Amino acid sequence: MGGMCLEALVGLLREEAGRVPGLVGVGERLAGLVVEPGSLRPYLHFSRGRYTRNLVYRDARLEVLVNCWDTGAVSPVHDHDGQECWFSVQSGVFVLENYALISGGLGPGPARLGPPVVVGPVGAGYVDFRCPEAPIHRVMARQGPAISLHVYAGPVERCLVYDVKRERCVLRQLRYHSVFGRPLSPMDALPPQLRA
């Protein structure tokens, strides 16, 4: 399925987030969906050797990001701060590693994870869902430049990042590369209207 512009998708997601229980059908809505490429253009900010997080929309019940990945870019092993997360591949090829938490790891400190369950390679239209019961994964862009669309059931301002070998995790504050299409300098703080 394709052809929906990003603005229309965000409008639908806003309506769903306003209902009770909210965002129930997001996985079905995103399955196979490749957003109209031109509507992504304001949020496409790439950086050599890494990925960027580009904010499209945010309120208390919903956060939408476009992440831009250089070939070979890898996220850390991380959780989603207790939020549901839908990861929709828009272009490129990804490999995902999903981890089960064996012990610890609910806050900074000791954390032991099970071996990764590898998913992929996956391409455009694939949707991954992370829930509070299975939140931990790592994302790798095998072929890029690649684009992923992320929908969170609430803003994610920080997450736990896991060091699998040392069996520890630390809390990391998250930052955006751009906000509503406007690139931020590394020293920029979030605008006041985005602070929780």
N, C-alpha and C. Protein backbone atom coordinates (compact mmCIF):
# COMPACT_ATOMS: atom_id res chain seq x y z
N MET A 1 0.85 -1.18 0.00
CA MET A 1 0.00 0.00 0.00
C MET A 1 0.89 1.23 0.00
N GLY A 2 0.53 2.26 -0.70
CA GLY A 2 1.32 3.47 -0.72
C GLY A 2 0.46 4.65 -1.07
N GLY A 3 1.08 5.81 -1.18
CA GLY A 3 0.40 6.98 -1.67
C GLY A 3 -0.12 7.93 -0.62
N MET A 4 -0.24 7.53 0.65
CA MET A 4 -0.71 8.46 1.67
C MET A 4 0.41 9.43 2.02
N CYS A 5 0.08 10.72 2.13
CA CYS A 5 1.11 11.68 2.51
C CYS A 5 1.28 11.66 4.03
N LEU A 6 2.44 12.08 4.48
CA LEU A 6 2.77 12.02 5.91
C LEU A 6 1.79 12.86 6.72
N GLU A 7 1.42 14.03 6.22
CA GLU A 7 0.50 14.91 6.96
C GLU A 7 -0.84 14.22 7.19
N ALA A 8 -1.35 13.53 6.17
CA ALA A 8 -2.63 12.81 6.32
C ALA A 8 -2.49 11.68 7.32
N LEU A 9 -1.38 10.96 7.29
CA LEU A 9 -1.15 9.88 8.25
C LEU A 9 -1.11 10.42 9.67
N VAL A 10 -0.39 11.51 9.88
CA VAL A 10 -0.33 12.10 11.23
C VAL A 10 -1.72 12.52 11.69
N GLY A 11 -2.53 13.07 10.78
CA GLY A 11 -3.90 13.44 11.14
C GLY A 11 -4.71 12.24 11.61
N LEU A 12 -4.60 11.12 10.91
CA LEU A 12 -5.30 9.90 11.31
C LEU A 12 -4.78 9.39 12.66
N LEU A 13 -3.46 9.43 12.83
CA LEU A 13 -2.89 8.98 14.10
C LEU A 13 -3.34 9.86 15.26
N ARG A 14 -3.45 11.15 15.03
CA ARG A 14 -3.93 12.08 16.07
C ARG A 14 -5.36 11.73 16.48
N GLU A 15 -6.21 11.43 15.49
CA GLU A 15 -7.58 11.02 15.80
C GLU A 15 -7.60 9.75 16.63
N GLU A 16 -6.80 8.76 16.22
CA GLU A 16 -6.76 7.50 16.94
C GLU A 16 -6.22 7.66 18.36
N ALA A 17 -5.19 8.51 18.50
CA ALA A 17 -4.60 8.73 19.83
C ALA A 17 -5.60 9.39 20.77
N GLY A 18 -6.56 10.14 20.22
CA GLY A 18 -7.56 10.83 21.04
C GLY A 18 -8.67 9.92 21.53
N ARG A 19 -8.78 8.73 20.94
CA ARG A 19 -9.81 7.78 21.36
C ARG A 19 -9.32 6.95 22.55
N VAL A 20 -10.27 6.29 23.19
CA VAL A 20 -9.91 5.37 24.27
C VAL A 20 -10.11 3.96 23.73
N PRO A 21 -9.13 3.04 23.82
CA PRO A 21 -7.84 3.18 24.47
C PRO A 21 -6.79 3.89 23.64
N GLY A 22 -7.00 4.19 22.39
CA GLY A 22 -6.04 4.98 21.61
C GLY A 22 -4.97 4.14 20.95
N LEU A 23 -4.68 4.43 19.70
CA LEU A 23 -3.60 3.83 18.90
C LEU A 23 -3.67 2.30 18.81
N VAL A 24 -4.87 1.75 18.93
CA VAL A 24 -5.02 0.30 18.88
C VAL A 24 -4.71 -0.26 17.50
N GLY A 25 -5.11 0.43 16.43
CA GLY A 25 -4.94 -0.11 15.09
C GLY A 25 -3.74 0.39 14.33
N VAL A 26 -2.76 0.94 15.03
CA VAL A 26 -1.62 1.55 14.32
C VAL A 26 -0.84 0.52 13.51
N GLY A 27 -0.60 -0.65 14.07
CA GLY A 27 0.15 -1.67 13.34
C GLY A 27 -0.51 -2.04 12.04
N GLU A 28 -1.84 -2.21 12.06
CA GLU A 28 -2.57 -2.53 10.84
C GLU A 28 -2.52 -1.37 9.85
N ARG A 29 -2.62 -0.15 10.35
CA ARG A 29 -2.59 1.02 9.47
C ARG A 29 -1.23 1.17 8.78
N LEU A 30 -0.16 0.85 9.50
CA LEU A 30 1.19 1.03 8.95
C LEU A 30 1.66 -0.15 8.10
N ALA A 31 1.06 -1.33 8.31
CA ALA A 31 1.52 -2.53 7.59
C ALA A 31 1.48 -2.31 6.09
N GLY A 32 2.63 -2.42 5.46
CA GLY A 32 2.74 -2.27 4.02
C GLY A 32 2.71 -0.83 3.53
N LEU A 33 2.51 0.11 4.43
CA LEU A 33 2.39 1.52 4.02
C LEU A 33 3.76 2.13 3.74
N VAL A 34 3.91 2.67 2.54
CA VAL A 34 5.06 3.50 2.21
C VAL A 34 4.51 4.89 1.95
N VAL A 35 4.87 5.84 2.81
CA VAL A 35 4.36 7.20 2.73
C VAL A 35 4.84 7.85 1.43
N GLU A 36 4.01 8.73 0.88
CA GLU A 36 4.37 9.46 -0.34
C GLU A 36 5.73 10.14 -0.12
N PRO A 37 6.75 9.78 -0.90
CA PRO A 37 8.11 10.24 -0.63
C PRO A 37 8.27 11.75 -0.53
N GLY A 38 7.57 12.51 -1.38
CA GLY A 38 7.70 13.97 -1.33
C GLY A 38 7.28 14.56 0.00
N SER A 39 6.33 13.91 0.69
CA SER A 39 5.87 14.44 1.98
C SER A 39 6.89 14.23 3.09
N LEU A 40 7.87 13.35 2.86
CA LEU A 40 8.92 13.14 3.85
C LEU A 40 10.05 14.16 3.73
N ARG A 41 10.14 14.81 2.58
CA ARG A 41 11.30 15.65 2.25
C ARG A 41 11.72 16.62 3.35
N PRO A 42 10.79 17.36 4.01
CA PRO A 42 11.24 18.32 5.04
C PRO A 42 11.97 17.66 6.22
N TYR A 43 11.77 16.34 6.40
CA TYR A 43 12.31 15.64 7.57
C TYR A 43 13.52 14.79 7.23
N LEU A 44 14.00 14.87 6.01
CA LEU A 44 15.13 14.04 5.59
C LEU A 44 16.44 14.77 5.82
N HIS A 45 17.07 14.46 6.94
CA HIS A 45 18.34 15.05 7.34
C HIS A 45 19.29 13.89 7.65
N PHE A 46 20.21 13.63 6.75
CA PHE A 46 21.13 12.51 6.88
C PHE A 46 22.47 12.98 7.45
N SER A 47 23.17 12.07 8.10
CA SER A 47 24.49 12.35 8.66
C SER A 47 25.38 11.14 8.40
N ARG A 48 26.55 11.39 7.86
CA ARG A 48 27.45 10.30 7.47
C ARG A 48 27.78 9.40 8.66
N GLY A 49 27.61 8.09 8.46
CA GLY A 49 28.02 7.10 9.45
C GLY A 49 27.06 6.89 10.62
N ARG A 50 25.91 7.57 10.61
CA ARG A 50 25.01 7.44 11.76
C ARG A 50 23.57 7.58 11.32
N TYR A 51 22.68 7.66 12.29
CA TYR A 51 21.28 7.94 11.98
C TYR A 51 20.86 9.21 12.70
N THR A 52 19.82 9.86 12.18
CA THR A 52 19.31 11.09 12.79
C THR A 52 17.85 10.89 13.16
N ARG A 53 17.43 11.59 14.21
CA ARG A 53 16.04 11.55 14.70
C ARG A 53 15.39 12.88 14.38
N ASN A 54 14.32 12.85 13.58
CA ASN A 54 13.70 14.08 13.07
C ASN A 54 12.23 14.11 13.47
N LEU A 55 11.89 15.07 14.34
CA LEU A 55 10.55 15.16 14.90
C LEU A 55 9.56 15.69 13.88
N VAL A 56 8.47 14.95 13.68
CA VAL A 56 7.39 15.35 12.79
C VAL A 56 6.22 15.91 13.58
N TYR A 57 5.83 15.21 14.66
CA TYR A 57 4.68 15.63 15.46
C TYR A 57 4.86 15.11 16.89
N ARG A 58 4.34 15.90 17.86
CA ARG A 58 4.44 15.47 19.26
C ARG A 58 3.35 16.15 20.07
N ASP A 59 2.64 15.36 20.86
CA ASP A 59 1.78 15.87 21.92
C ASP A 59 1.85 14.86 23.07
N ALA A 60 1.00 14.98 24.07
CA ALA A 60 1.11 14.11 25.25
C ALA A 60 0.78 12.65 24.94
N ARG A 61 0.04 12.38 23.83
CA ARG A 61 -0.40 11.02 23.53
C ARG A 61 0.27 10.40 22.32
N LEU A 62 1.11 11.17 21.62
CA LEU A 62 1.61 10.70 20.34
C LEU A 62 2.91 11.43 19.99
N GLU A 63 3.87 10.66 19.47
CA GLU A 63 5.09 11.25 18.93
C GLU A 63 5.39 10.53 17.61
N VAL A 64 5.68 11.30 16.56
CA VAL A 64 5.99 10.74 15.25
C VAL A 64 7.35 11.27 14.82
N LEU A 65 8.25 10.35 14.46
CA LEU A 65 9.60 10.71 14.02
C LEU A 65 9.88 10.09 12.67
N VAL A 66 10.75 10.74 11.91
CA VAL A 66 11.36 10.14 10.74
C VAL A 66 12.84 10.02 11.06
N ASN A 67 13.35 8.78 11.04
CA ASN A 67 14.78 8.56 11.25
C ASN A 67 15.45 8.32 9.90
N CYS A 68 16.60 8.94 9.71
CA CYS A 68 17.36 8.83 8.46
C CYS A 68 18.67 8.11 8.77
N TRP A 69 18.96 7.06 8.00
CA TRP A 69 20.06 6.16 8.30
C TRP A 69 21.05 6.11 7.15
N ASP A 70 22.32 6.29 7.46
CA ASP A 70 23.38 6.03 6.49
C ASP A 70 23.60 4.52 6.44
N THR A 71 24.09 4.01 5.33
CA THR A 71 24.39 2.58 5.24
C THR A 71 25.34 2.20 6.37
N GLY A 72 25.02 1.14 7.09
CA GLY A 72 25.86 0.67 8.19
C GLY A 72 25.57 1.31 9.53
N ALA A 73 24.71 2.32 9.58
CA ALA A 73 24.38 2.95 10.86
C ALA A 73 23.65 1.95 11.76
N VAL A 74 23.98 1.99 13.05
CA VAL A 74 23.43 1.04 14.02
C VAL A 74 22.99 1.81 15.26
N SER A 75 21.79 1.51 15.73
CA SER A 75 21.36 2.08 17.00
C SER A 75 22.01 1.30 18.13
N PRO A 76 22.07 1.87 19.32
CA PRO A 76 22.47 1.04 20.46
C PRO A 76 21.34 0.07 20.78
N VAL A 77 21.62 -0.93 21.59
CA VAL A 77 20.57 -1.78 22.14
C VAL A 77 19.81 -0.92 23.15
N HIS A 78 18.50 -0.77 22.96
CA HIS A 78 17.76 0.21 23.77
C HIS A 78 16.31 -0.23 23.99
N ASP A 79 15.68 0.43 24.99
CA ASP A 79 14.25 0.24 25.21
C ASP A 79 13.52 1.51 24.78
N HIS A 80 12.24 1.64 25.15
CA HIS A 80 11.43 2.78 24.69
C HIS A 80 10.70 3.47 25.84
N ASP A 81 11.32 3.47 27.02
CA ASP A 81 10.82 4.20 28.18
C ASP A 81 9.37 3.87 28.51
N GLY A 82 9.01 2.58 28.34
CA GLY A 82 7.67 2.14 28.70
C GLY A 82 6.59 2.44 27.67
N GLN A 83 6.95 3.00 26.53
CA GLN A 83 5.96 3.35 25.50
C GLN A 83 5.87 2.26 24.43
N GLU A 84 4.69 2.14 23.84
CA GLU A 84 4.55 1.31 22.66
C GLU A 84 5.21 2.04 21.49
N CYS A 85 5.84 1.27 20.61
CA CYS A 85 6.57 1.86 19.48
C CYS A 85 6.33 1.03 18.23
N TRP A 86 5.98 1.72 17.15
CA TRP A 86 5.86 1.09 15.83
C TRP A 86 6.96 1.65 14.95
N PHE A 87 7.73 0.77 14.33
CA PHE A 87 8.87 1.11 13.48
C PHE A 87 8.50 0.66 12.07
N SER A 88 8.31 1.60 11.16
CA SER A 88 7.87 1.30 9.80
C SER A 88 8.99 1.64 8.82
N VAL A 89 9.44 0.64 8.07
CA VAL A 89 10.50 0.87 7.08
C VAL A 89 9.89 1.58 5.88
N GLN A 90 10.48 2.72 5.52
CA GLN A 90 10.02 3.49 4.36
C GLN A 90 10.91 3.27 3.15
N SER A 91 12.20 3.11 3.38
CA SER A 91 13.13 2.79 2.29
C SER A 91 14.39 2.20 2.89
N GLY A 92 15.16 1.51 2.05
CA GLY A 92 16.38 0.87 2.52
C GLY A 92 16.10 -0.53 3.04
N VAL A 93 17.14 -1.14 3.62
CA VAL A 93 17.05 -2.50 4.14
C VAL A 93 17.61 -2.49 5.57
N PHE A 94 16.86 -3.10 6.49
CA PHE A 94 17.24 -3.14 7.89
C PHE A 94 17.33 -4.58 8.40
N VAL A 95 18.14 -4.74 9.45
CA VAL A 95 18.14 -5.96 10.25
C VAL A 95 17.86 -5.52 11.68
N LEU A 96 16.96 -6.25 12.34
CA LEU A 96 16.58 -5.93 13.71
C LEU A 96 17.04 -7.05 14.63
N GLU A 97 17.49 -6.69 15.81
CA GLU A 97 17.81 -7.66 16.85
C GLU A 97 16.92 -7.37 18.04
N ASN A 98 16.08 -8.34 18.41
CA ASN A 98 15.18 -8.19 19.54
C ASN A 98 15.73 -8.99 20.72
N TYR A 99 15.69 -8.39 21.90
CA TYR A 99 16.29 -8.98 23.09
C TYR A 99 15.26 -9.17 24.19
N ALA A 100 15.35 -10.30 24.87
CA ALA A 100 14.54 -10.54 26.08
C ALA A 100 15.37 -10.12 27.29
N LEU A 101 14.73 -9.50 28.25
CA LEU A 101 15.38 -9.11 29.49
C LEU A 101 15.35 -10.30 30.45
N ILE A 102 16.54 -10.76 30.85
CA ILE A 102 16.65 -11.91 31.75
C ILE A 102 16.62 -11.46 33.21
N SER A 103 17.39 -10.43 33.53
CA SER A 103 17.39 -9.92 34.91
C SER A 103 17.87 -8.47 34.92
N GLY A 104 17.43 -7.74 35.97
CA GLY A 104 17.79 -6.33 36.09
C GLY A 104 17.20 -5.55 34.92
N GLY A 105 17.89 -4.45 34.57
CA GLY A 105 17.57 -3.72 33.36
C GLY A 105 16.29 -2.92 33.35
N LEU A 106 15.66 -2.74 34.50
CA LEU A 106 14.47 -1.89 34.55
C LEU A 106 14.82 -0.46 34.91
N GLY A 107 16.06 -0.26 35.30
CA GLY A 107 16.62 1.05 35.59
C GLY A 107 18.12 0.95 35.41
N PRO A 108 18.84 2.06 35.49
CA PRO A 108 20.29 2.00 35.31
C PRO A 108 20.94 1.02 36.29
N GLY A 109 21.92 0.28 35.79
CA GLY A 109 22.62 -0.68 36.63
C GLY A 109 22.75 -2.02 35.93
N PRO A 110 22.83 -3.10 36.72
CA PRO A 110 22.99 -4.43 36.13
C PRO A 110 21.81 -4.79 35.22
N ALA A 111 22.13 -5.47 34.12
CA ALA A 111 21.10 -5.88 33.16
C ALA A 111 21.63 -7.05 32.35
N ARG A 112 20.91 -8.14 32.40
CA ARG A 112 21.32 -9.29 31.59
C ARG A 112 20.23 -9.56 30.56
N LEU A 113 20.66 -9.65 29.29
CA LEU A 113 19.75 -9.89 28.18
C LEU A 113 19.97 -11.28 27.61
N GLY A 114 18.91 -11.85 27.04
CA GLY A 114 19.04 -13.11 26.33
C GLY A 114 19.69 -12.88 24.98
N PRO A 115 20.00 -13.95 24.26
CA PRO A 115 20.60 -13.79 22.93
C PRO A 115 19.62 -13.11 21.99
N PRO A 116 20.13 -12.35 21.01
CA PRO A 116 19.22 -11.64 20.12
C PRO A 116 18.45 -12.58 19.20
N VAL A 117 17.21 -12.21 18.95
CA VAL A 117 16.41 -12.86 17.91
C VAL A 117 16.50 -11.93 16.70
N VAL A 118 17.12 -12.41 15.62
CA VAL A 118 17.38 -11.56 14.45
C VAL A 118 16.19 -11.62 13.50
N VAL A 119 15.75 -10.45 13.06
CA VAL A 119 14.67 -10.32 12.09
C VAL A 119 15.23 -9.58 10.88
N GLY A 120 15.05 -10.18 9.71
CA GLY A 120 15.49 -9.49 8.50
C GLY A 120 16.52 -10.28 7.75
N PRO A 121 16.94 -9.67 6.66
CA PRO A 121 16.72 -8.28 6.28
C PRO A 121 15.26 -8.00 5.90
N VAL A 122 14.80 -6.78 6.25
CA VAL A 122 13.45 -6.33 5.94
C VAL A 122 13.54 -5.02 5.18
N GLY A 123 12.54 -4.79 4.32
CA GLY A 123 12.53 -3.59 3.49
C GLY A 123 11.24 -2.80 3.62
N ALA A 124 11.02 -1.92 2.65
CA ALA A 124 9.90 -0.98 2.68
C ALA A 124 8.58 -1.70 2.93
N GLY A 125 7.80 -1.13 3.85
CA GLY A 125 6.50 -1.67 4.21
C GLY A 125 6.50 -2.54 5.44
N TYR A 126 7.69 -2.98 5.89
CA TYR A 126 7.76 -3.83 7.08
C TYR A 126 7.51 -2.97 8.33
N VAL A 127 6.76 -3.53 9.30
CA VAL A 127 6.48 -2.83 10.56
C VAL A 127 6.90 -3.72 11.72
N ASP A 128 7.67 -3.14 12.64
CA ASP A 128 8.06 -3.82 13.88
C ASP A 128 7.34 -3.13 15.03
N PHE A 129 6.87 -3.89 16.01
CA PHE A 129 6.17 -3.35 17.16
C PHE A 129 6.94 -3.70 18.43
N ARG A 130 7.22 -2.71 19.24
CA ARG A 130 7.84 -2.90 20.55
C ARG A 130 6.82 -2.47 21.59
N CYS A 131 6.57 -3.33 22.57
CA CYS A 131 5.62 -3.02 23.63
C CYS A 131 6.35 -3.04 24.97
N PRO A 132 5.71 -2.55 26.05
CA PRO A 132 6.39 -2.53 27.35
C PRO A 132 6.85 -3.91 27.81
N GLU A 133 6.19 -4.98 27.36
CA GLU A 133 6.58 -6.33 27.76
C GLU A 133 7.77 -6.86 26.95
N ALA A 134 8.05 -6.28 25.79
CA ALA A 134 9.17 -6.70 24.93
C ALA A 134 9.74 -5.47 24.23
N PRO A 135 10.38 -4.57 25.01
CA PRO A 135 10.75 -3.27 24.46
C PRO A 135 12.14 -3.17 23.86
N ILE A 136 13.01 -4.16 24.04
CA ILE A 136 14.44 -3.96 23.81
C ILE A 136 14.84 -4.47 22.43
N HIS A 137 15.51 -3.59 21.67
CA HIS A 137 16.02 -4.02 20.37
C HIS A 137 17.19 -3.15 19.93
N ARG A 138 17.78 -3.59 18.81
CA ARG A 138 18.82 -2.82 18.11
C ARG A 138 18.44 -2.84 16.64
N VAL A 139 18.67 -1.69 15.98
CA VAL A 139 18.32 -1.53 14.57
C VAL A 139 19.60 -1.27 13.79
N MET A 140 19.75 -1.97 12.65
CA MET A 140 20.92 -1.80 11.80
C MET A 140 20.47 -1.54 10.36
N ALA A 141 21.00 -0.49 9.75
CA ALA A 141 20.69 -0.18 8.35
C ALA A 141 21.69 -0.92 7.47
N ARG A 142 21.24 -1.99 6.84
CA ARG A 142 22.11 -2.79 5.98
C ARG A 142 22.36 -2.11 4.64
N GLN A 143 21.32 -1.45 4.13
CA GLN A 143 21.43 -0.79 2.84
C GLN A 143 20.74 0.56 2.94
N GLY A 144 21.46 1.61 2.60
CA GLY A 144 20.90 2.95 2.70
C GLY A 144 21.36 3.79 1.53
N PRO A 145 21.06 5.07 1.57
CA PRO A 145 20.40 5.72 2.70
C PRO A 145 19.02 5.12 2.92
N ALA A 146 18.65 4.99 4.19
CA ALA A 146 17.41 4.33 4.58
C ALA A 146 16.58 5.29 5.43
N ILE A 147 15.27 5.07 5.39
CA ILE A 147 14.33 5.93 6.13
C ILE A 147 13.37 5.04 6.89
N SER A 148 13.16 5.38 8.16
CA SER A 148 12.17 4.68 8.99
C SER A 148 11.25 5.71 9.63
N LEU A 149 10.00 5.31 9.77
CA LEU A 149 8.98 6.13 10.40
C LEU A 149 8.67 5.50 11.75
N HIS A 150 8.67 6.31 12.82
CA HIS A 150 8.46 5.81 14.17
C HIS A 150 7.24 6.48 14.78
N VAL A 151 6.35 5.68 15.33
CA VAL A 151 5.17 6.17 16.03
C VAL A 151 5.24 5.66 17.46
N TYR A 152 5.17 6.59 18.42
CA TYR A 152 5.21 6.24 19.84
C TYR A 152 3.88 6.63 20.48
N ALA A 153 3.41 5.80 21.42
CA ALA A 153 2.14 6.06 22.10
C ALA A 153 2.26 7.19 23.12
N GLY A 154 3.36 7.84 23.18
CA GLY A 154 3.63 9.00 24.02
C GLY A 154 5.06 9.40 23.79
N PRO A 155 5.41 10.66 24.05
CA PRO A 155 6.79 11.09 23.80
C PRO A 155 7.81 10.25 24.56
N VAL A 156 8.90 9.94 23.90
CA VAL A 156 10.01 9.20 24.51
C VAL A 156 11.19 10.16 24.61
N GLU A 157 11.46 10.63 25.83
CA GLU A 157 12.52 11.62 26.03
C GLU A 157 13.83 10.99 26.46
N ARG A 158 13.75 9.77 26.96
CA ARG A 158 14.95 9.07 27.42
C ARG A 158 14.70 7.58 27.25
N CYS A 159 15.77 6.84 27.26
CA CYS A 159 15.64 5.38 27.17
C CYS A 159 16.82 4.75 27.89
N LEU A 160 16.68 3.47 28.17
CA LEU A 160 17.80 2.72 28.71
C LEU A 160 18.59 2.16 27.54
N VAL A 161 19.92 2.29 27.62
CA VAL A 161 20.83 1.75 26.62
C VAL A 161 21.62 0.64 27.29
N TYR A 162 21.66 -0.52 26.63
CA TYR A 162 22.21 -1.73 27.23
C TYR A 162 23.57 -2.08 26.64
N ASP A 163 24.51 -2.39 27.53
CA ASP A 163 25.81 -2.93 27.14
C ASP A 163 25.72 -4.44 27.37
N VAL A 164 25.53 -5.18 26.28
CA VAL A 164 25.27 -6.61 26.37
C VAL A 164 26.45 -7.35 26.99
N LYS A 165 27.68 -7.00 26.61
CA LYS A 165 28.87 -7.71 27.12
C LYS A 165 29.11 -7.44 28.59
N ARG A 166 28.95 -6.20 29.01
CA ARG A 166 29.20 -5.85 30.41
C ARG A 166 28.00 -6.09 31.31
N GLU A 167 26.86 -6.44 30.71
CA GLU A 167 25.63 -6.71 31.44
C GLU A 167 25.23 -5.54 32.33
N ARG A 168 25.18 -4.36 31.68
CA ARG A 168 24.79 -3.13 32.39
C ARG A 168 23.93 -2.29 31.46
N CYS A 169 23.21 -1.35 32.05
CA CYS A 169 22.49 -0.38 31.23
C CYS A 169 22.57 0.99 31.89
N VAL A 170 22.46 2.02 31.05
CA VAL A 170 22.51 3.40 31.51
C VAL A 170 21.32 4.15 30.91
N LEU A 171 20.92 5.23 31.57
CA LEU A 171 19.84 6.06 31.08
C LEU A 171 20.42 7.10 30.13
N ARG A 172 19.82 7.23 28.94
CA ARG A 172 20.30 8.20 27.96
C ARG A 172 19.17 9.16 27.60
N GLN A 173 19.47 10.45 27.68
CA GLN A 173 18.53 11.49 27.24
C GLN A 173 18.56 11.54 25.72
N LEU A 174 17.39 11.55 25.09
CA LEU A 174 17.33 11.56 23.63
C LEU A 174 17.25 12.98 23.10
N ARG A 175 17.79 13.16 21.90
CA ARG A 175 17.79 14.47 21.25
C ARG A 175 17.27 14.31 19.83
N TYR A 176 16.82 15.41 19.27
CA TYR A 176 16.38 15.44 17.88
C TYR A 176 17.47 16.08 17.03
N HIS A 177 17.57 15.65 15.79
CA HIS A 177 18.44 16.30 14.81
C HIS A 177 17.71 17.48 14.18
N SER A 178 16.39 17.31 13.98
CA SER A 178 15.56 18.40 13.47
C SER A 178 14.21 18.35 14.15
N VAL A 179 13.55 19.51 14.23
CA VAL A 179 12.22 19.64 14.82
C VAL A 179 11.33 20.31 13.80
N PHE A 180 10.28 19.61 13.37
CA PHE A 180 9.31 20.11 12.39
C PHE A 180 10.00 20.57 11.10
N GLY A 181 11.08 19.85 10.74
CA GLY A 181 11.80 20.15 9.50
C GLY A 181 12.97 21.10 9.67
N ARG A 182 13.11 21.71 10.84
CA ARG A 182 14.20 22.67 11.07
C ARG A 182 15.36 21.99 11.77
N PRO A 183 16.53 21.90 11.12
CA PRO A 183 17.69 21.28 11.78
C PRO A 183 18.10 22.05 13.03
N LEU A 184 18.49 21.30 14.05
CA LEU A 184 18.99 21.90 15.28
C LEU A 184 20.50 21.76 15.32
N SER A 185 21.16 22.74 15.89
CA SER A 185 22.58 22.59 16.12
C SER A 185 22.76 21.63 17.29
N PRO A 186 23.92 20.99 17.42
CA PRO A 186 24.11 20.05 18.54
C PRO A 186 23.89 20.68 19.91
N MET A 187 24.04 21.98 20.02
CA MET A 187 23.90 22.63 21.31
C MET A 187 22.48 23.11 21.58
N ASP A 188 21.59 23.06 20.55
CA ASP A 188 20.21 23.52 20.74
C ASP A 188 19.49 22.67 21.77
N ALA A 189 18.73 23.32 22.62
CA ALA A 189 17.83 22.60 23.52
C ALA A 189 16.47 22.50 22.83
N LEU A 190 15.61 21.66 23.34
CA LEU A 190 14.26 21.59 22.79
C LEU A 190 13.54 22.91 23.02
N PRO A 191 12.73 23.34 22.06
CA PRO A 191 11.90 24.53 22.29
C PRO A 191 10.99 24.31 23.49
N PRO A 192 10.64 25.38 24.22
CA PRO A 192 9.85 25.23 25.45
C PRO A 192 8.55 24.46 25.23
N GLN A 193 7.88 24.62 24.08
CA GLN A 193 6.60 23.94 23.86
C GLN A 193 6.76 22.44 23.74
N LEU A 194 8.00 21.94 23.58
CA LEU A 194 8.23 20.50 23.47
C LEU A 194 8.65 19.87 24.78
N ARG A 195 8.89 20.67 25.79
CA ARG A 195 9.32 20.11 27.06
C ARG A 195 8.12 19.51 27.79
N ALA A 196 8.34 18.36 28.39
CA ALA A 196 7.22 17.67 29.08
C ALA A 196 6.84 18.40 30.34
